[in-house]
Amino acid sequence: MRQTLMAVLCDRYAIVVMVGAVILYSFFYPAAYRHQVAGNLPVLVVDEDHSATSRELLRKLDALRVARVVGQPADIDSARQQLEAGHAEGIVLIPANLERDILRGHPAKLVLLGTAPTWGVPAGCWAAWPMHWRVRA
């Protein structure tokens, strides 16, 4: 084994092929997946806060290339029904008191809900992620 390794390491052409293959692979492998990034996903937004901050968040969300707001149901149950009917691929829940928590310096929370294929979860499953962030005034 050691003899084989030394023979490979001493062969200039073998080294060029190994290094060249790694470099070429790193450039060309991602090219096949470039267009498979999810974008313009239809999402529903449930705004339980109804504040200026939540409206600004909604505008910024709609401006993203990865998401497109297709509706604003009044409650999470309506949003879930629309999601299950196939009208959207995700739900963004803006909880009540979001603006108050931000102004008090507490972590703000968002909840993302989505169907399995959208979020990389096994088919037939629901996924939810609480998102936390802190805003400094």
Foldseek 3Di string as FASTA:
>chain_A
DVVVVVVLVVDPVSVCVVVVVVVVCVPPVCVVCPPVDAWQFEEEEEEAAPDPVVVVVVVVQCPDGRYHHPYYDPDPVVRVVCQVVPVGFKYKYQHHCQVVCQVVFHWGKIKMKGACVVPVHPHPDIDIDIDTDHDDD
